[in-house]
């Protein structure tokens, strides 16, 4: 959910990093950290 909020500008990068730290080294925490660090790019949902 955090990645959606970040993508839509509802939360800041700092808030995303706080969430990533809360999840620690779990796969989801690492996923959030990757998004915050710009290593993972989200692809917008494309409607046909």
PDB file of N, CA and C in Angstrom:
ATOM      1  N   UNK A   1       0.818  -1.187   0.000  1.00  0.00           N
ATOM      2  CA  UNK A   1       0.000   0.000   0.000  1.00  0.00           C
ATOM      3  C   UNK A   1       0.870   1.262   0.000  1.00  0.00           C
ATOM      4  N   UNK A   2       2.003   1.211   0.703  1.00  0.00           N
ATOM      5  CA  UNK A   2       2.859   2.388   0.797  1.00  0.00           C
ATOM      6  C   UNK A   2       3.383   2.812  -0.567  1.00  0.00           C
ATOM      7  N   UNK A   3       3.713   1.829  -1.407  1.00  0.00           N
ATOM      8  CA  UNK A   3       4.250   2.187  -2.719  1.00  0.00           C
ATOM      9  C   UNK A   3       3.206   2.905  -3.566  1.00  0.00           C
ATOM     10  N   UNK A   4       1.946   2.554  -3.402  1.00  0.00           N
ATOM     11  CA  UNK A   4       0.870   3.236  -4.126  1.00  0.00           C
ATOM     12  C   UNK A   4       0.747   4.672  -3.631  1.00  0.00           C
ATOM     13  N   UNK A   5       0.790   4.840  -2.318  1.00  0.00           N
ATOM     14  CA  UNK A   5       0.705   6.187  -1.739  1.00  0.00           C
ATOM     15  C   UNK A   5       1.872   7.048  -2.213  1.00  0.00           C
ATOM     16  N   UNK A   6       3.065   6.484  -2.257  1.00  0.00           N
ATOM     17  CA  UNK A   6       4.240   7.230  -2.700  1.00  0.00           C
ATOM     18  C   UNK A   6       4.110   7.604  -4.175  1.00  0.00           C
ATOM     19  N   UNK A   7       3.699   6.646  -4.988  1.00  0.00           N
ATOM     20  CA  UNK A   7       3.552   6.887  -6.423  1.00  0.00           C
ATOM     21  C   UNK A   7       2.548   8.011  -6.698  1.00  0.00           C
ATOM     22  N   UNK A   8       1.513   8.096  -5.884  1.00  0.00           N
ATOM     23  CA  UNK A   8       0.476   9.114  -6.076  1.00  0.00           C
ATOM     24  C   UNK A   8       0.783  10.427  -5.361  1.00  0.00           C
ATOM     25  N   UNK A   9       1.936  10.500  -4.688  1.00  0.00           N
ATOM     26  CA  UNK A   9       2.328  11.725  -4.010  1.00  0.00           C
ATOM     27  C   UNK A   9       1.618  11.949  -2.685  1.00  0.00           C
ATOM     28  N   UNK A  10       1.015  10.892  -2.138  1.00  0.00           N
ATOM     29  CA  UNK A  10       0.278  11.015  -0.879  1.00  0.00           C
ATOM     30  C   UNK A  10       1.199  10.940   0.329  1.00  0.00           C
ATOM     31  N   UNK A  11       2.385  10.335   0.160  1.00  0.00           N
ATOM     32  CA  UNK A  11       3.385  10.303   1.227  1.00  0.00           C
ATOM     33  C   UNK A  11       4.732  10.698   0.633  1.00  0.00           C
ATOM     34  N   UNK A  12       5.630  11.167   1.479  1.00  0.00           N
ATOM     35  CA  UNK A  12       6.961  11.592   1.037  1.00  0.00           C
ATOM     36  C   UNK A  12       7.914  10.402   0.980  1.00  0.00           C
ATOM     37  N   UNK A  13       9.076  10.647   0.381  1.00  0.00           N
ATOM     38  CA  UNK A  13      10.117   9.621   0.352  1.00  0.00           C
ATOM     39  C   UNK A  13      10.533   9.260   1.777  1.00  0.00           C
ATOM     40  N   UNK A  14      10.623  10.267   2.641  1.00  0.00           N
ATOM     41  CA  UNK A  14      10.989  10.022   4.037  1.00  0.00           C
ATOM     42  C   UNK A  14      10.006   9.100   4.729  1.00  0.00           C
ATOM     43  N   UNK A  15       8.734   9.323   4.490  1.00  0.00           N
ATOM     44  CA  UNK A  15       7.696   8.471   5.090  1.00  0.00           C
ATOM     45  C   UNK A  15       7.798   7.050   4.539  1.00  0.00           C
ATOM     46  N   UNK A  16       8.111   6.926   3.246  1.00  0.00           N
ATOM     47  CA  UNK A  16       8.290   5.609   2.638  1.00  0.00           C
ATOM     48  C   UNK A  16       9.476   4.896   3.275  1.00  0.00           C
ATOM     49  N   UNK A  17      10.569   5.632   3.520  1.00  0.00           N
ATOM     50  CA  UNK A  17      11.738   5.041   4.167  1.00  0.00           C
ATOM     51  C   UNK A  17      11.416   4.608   5.598  1.00  0.00           C
ATOM     52  N   UNK A  18      10.606   5.385   6.310  1.00  0.00           N
ATOM     53  CA  UNK A  18      10.192   4.992   7.661  1.00  0.00           C
ATOM     54  C   UNK A  18       9.438   3.669   7.616  1.00  0.00           C
ATOM     55  N   UNK A  19       8.564   3.520   6.646  1.00  0.00           N
ATOM     56  CA  UNK A  19       7.822   2.269   6.497  1.00  0.00           C
ATOM     57  C   UNK A  19       8.772   1.123   6.174  1.00  0.00           C
ATOM     58  N   UNK A  20       9.717   1.373   5.286  1.00  0.00           N
ATOM     59  CA  UNK A  20      10.685   0.337   4.923  1.00  0.00           C
ATOM     60  C   UNK A  20      11.467  -0.119   6.155  1.00  0.00           C
ATOM     61  N   UNK A  21      11.860   0.822   6.991  1.00  0.00           N
ATOM     62  CA  UNK A  21      12.605   0.482   8.209  1.00  0.00           C
ATOM     63  C   UNK A  21      11.745  -0.319   9.183  1.00  0.00           C
ATOM     64  N   UNK A  22      10.458  -0.002   9.244  1.00  0.00           N
ATOM     65  CA  UNK A  22       9.551  -0.742  10.123  1.00  0.00           C
ATOM     66  C   UNK A  22       9.459  -2.210   9.713  1.00  0.00           C
ATOM     67  N   UNK A  23       9.485  -2.467   8.394  1.00  0.00           N
ATOM     68  CA  UNK A  23       9.407  -3.842   7.902  1.00  0.00           C
ATOM     69  C   UNK A  23      10.769  -4.537   7.937  1.00  0.00           C
ATOM     70  N   UNK A  24      11.815  -3.787   8.203  1.00  0.00           N
ATOM     71  CA  UNK A  24      13.149  -4.358   8.354  1.00  0.00           C
ATOM     72  C   UNK A  24      13.663  -5.009   7.086  1.00  0.00           C
ATOM     73  N   UNK A  25      14.303  -6.155   7.272  1.00  0.00           N
ATOM     74  CA  UNK A  25      14.928  -6.850   6.150  1.00  0.00           C
ATOM     75  C   UNK A  25      13.987  -7.834   5.467  1.00  0.00           C
ATOM     76  N   UNK A  26      12.706  -7.726   5.763  1.00  0.00           N
ATOM     77  CA  UNK A  26      11.725  -8.588   5.093  1.00  0.00           C
ATOM     78  C   UNK A  26      11.696  -8.236   3.605  1.00  0.00           C
ATOM     79  N   UNK A  27      11.210  -9.143   2.776  1.00  0.00           N
ATOM     80  CA  UNK A  27      11.123  -8.825   1.346  1.00  0.00           C
ATOM     81  C   UNK A  27      10.338  -7.535   1.069  1.00  0.00           C
ATOM     82  N   UNK A  28       9.260  -7.303   1.810  1.00  0.00           N
ATOM     83  CA  UNK A  28       8.474  -6.092   1.583  1.00  0.00           C
ATOM     84  C   UNK A  28       9.252  -4.848   2.008  1.00  0.00           C
ATOM     85  N   UNK A  29       9.967  -4.927   3.111  1.00  0.00           N
ATOM     86  CA  UNK A  29      10.795  -3.807   3.545  1.00  0.00           C
ATOM     87  C   UNK A  29      11.864  -3.475   2.518  1.00  0.00           C
ATOM     88  N   UNK A  30      12.483  -4.498   1.959  1.00  0.00           N
ATOM     89  CA  UNK A  30      13.502  -4.284   0.935  1.00  0.00           C
ATOM     90  C   UNK A  30      12.884  -3.710  -0.338  1.00  0.00           C
ATOM     91  N   UNK A  31      11.677  -4.156  -0.654  1.00  0.00           N
ATOM     92  CA  UNK A  31      10.949  -3.635  -1.812  1.00  0.00           C
ATOM     93  C   UNK A  31      10.691  -2.133  -1.646  1.00  0.00           C
ATOM     94  N   UNK A  32      10.199  -1.738  -0.477  1.00  0.00           N
ATOM     95  CA  UNK A  32       9.931  -0.321  -0.224  1.00  0.00           C
ATOM     96  C   UNK A  32      11.208   0.500  -0.282  1.00  0.00           C
ATOM     97  N   UNK A  33      12.285  -0.035   0.284  1.00  0.00           N
ATOM     98  CA  UNK A  33      13.571   0.667   0.252  1.00  0.00           C
ATOM     99  C   UNK A  33      14.043   0.849  -1.189  1.00  0.00           C
ATOM    100  N   UNK A  34      13.870  -0.188  -2.003  1.00  0.00           N
ATOM    101  CA  UNK A  34      14.251  -0.094  -3.412  1.00  0.00           C
ATOM    102  C   UNK A  34      13.483   0.986  -4.153  1.00  0.00           C
ATOM    103  N   UNK A  35      12.202   1.112  -3.840  1.00  0.00           N
ATOM    104  CA  UNK A  35      11.391   2.165  -4.458  1.00  0.00           C
ATOM    105  C   UNK A  35      11.886   3.533  -3.997  1.00  0.00           C
ATOM    106  N   UNK A  36      12.099   3.683  -2.701  1.00  0.00           N
ATOM    107  CA  UNK A  36      12.556   4.966  -2.150  1.00  0.00           C
ATOM    108  C   UNK A  36      13.916   5.359  -2.716  1.00  0.00           C
ATOM    109  N   UNK A  37      14.789   4.376  -2.932  1.00  0.00           N
ATOM    110  CA  UNK A  37      16.128   4.647  -3.453  1.00  0.00           C
ATOM    111  C   UNK A  37      16.157   4.798  -4.973  1.00  0.00           C
ATOM    112  N   UNK A  38      15.006   4.586  -5.625  1.00  0.00           N
ATOM    113  CA  UNK A  38      14.947   4.707  -7.077  1.00  0.00           C
ATOM    114  C   UNK A  38      15.474   3.499  -7.812  1.00  0.00           C
ATOM    115  N   UNK A  39      15.703   2.402  -7.094  1.00  0.00           N
ATOM    116  CA  UNK A  39      16.212   1.182  -7.717  1.00  0.00           C
ATOM    117  C   UNK A  39      15.088   0.362  -8.341  1.00  0.00           C
ATOM    118  N   UNK A  40      13.875   0.561  -7.862  1.00  0.00           N
ATOM    119  CA  UNK A  40      12.700  -0.132  -8.384  1.00  0.00           C
ATOM    120  C   UNK A  40      11.749   0.931  -8.903  1.00  0.00           C
ATOM    121  N   UNK A  41      11.366   0.801 -10.140  1.00  0.00           N
ATOM    122  CA  UNK A  41      10.441   1.756 -10.742  1.00  0.00           C
ATOM    123  C   UNK A  41       9.066   1.104 -10.833  1.00  0.00           C
ATOM    124  N   UNK A  42       8.059   1.838 -10.423  1.00  0.00           N
ATOM    125  CA  UNK A  42       6.695   1.346 -10.509  1.00  0.00           C
ATOM    126  C   UNK A  42       6.146   1.640 -11.895  1.00  0.00           C
ATOM    127  N   UNK A  43       5.430   0.675 -12.444  1.00  0.00           N
ATOM    128  CA  UNK A  43       4.818   0.842 -13.756  1.00  0.00           C
ATOM    129  C   UNK A  43       3.353   1.182 -13.544  1.00  0.00           C
ATOM    130  N   UNK A  44       2.904   2.309 -14.076  1.00  0.00           N
ATOM    131  CA  UNK A  44       1.499   2.677 -13.880  1.00  0.00           C
ATOM    132  C   UNK A  44       0.569   1.653 -14.513  1.00  0.00           C
ATOM    133  N   UNK A  45      -0.587   1.489 -13.912  1.00  0.00           N
ATOM    134  CA  UNK A  45      -1.599   0.593 -14.447  1.00  0.00           C
ATOM    135  C   UNK A  45      -2.120   1.190 -15.748  1.00  0.00           C
ATOM    136  N   UNK A  46      -2.005   0.421 -16.824  1.00  0.00           N
ATOM    137  CA  UNK A  46      -2.449   0.918 -18.124  1.00  0.00           C
ATOM    138  C   UNK A  46      -3.835   0.367 -18.421  1.00  0.00           C
ATOM    139  N   UNK A  47      -4.752   1.255 -18.704  1.00  0.00           N
ATOM    140  CA  UNK A  47      -6.110   0.839 -19.045  1.00  0.00           C
ATOM    141  C   UNK A  47      -6.220   0.741 -20.555  1.00  0.00           C
ATOM    142  N   UNK A  48      -6.847  -0.315 -21.008  1.00  0.00           N
ATOM    143  CA  UNK A  48      -7.013  -0.520 -22.461  1.00  0.00           C
ATOM    144  C   UNK A  48      -8.266   0.133 -22.958  1.00  0.00           C
TER     145      UNK A  48
END
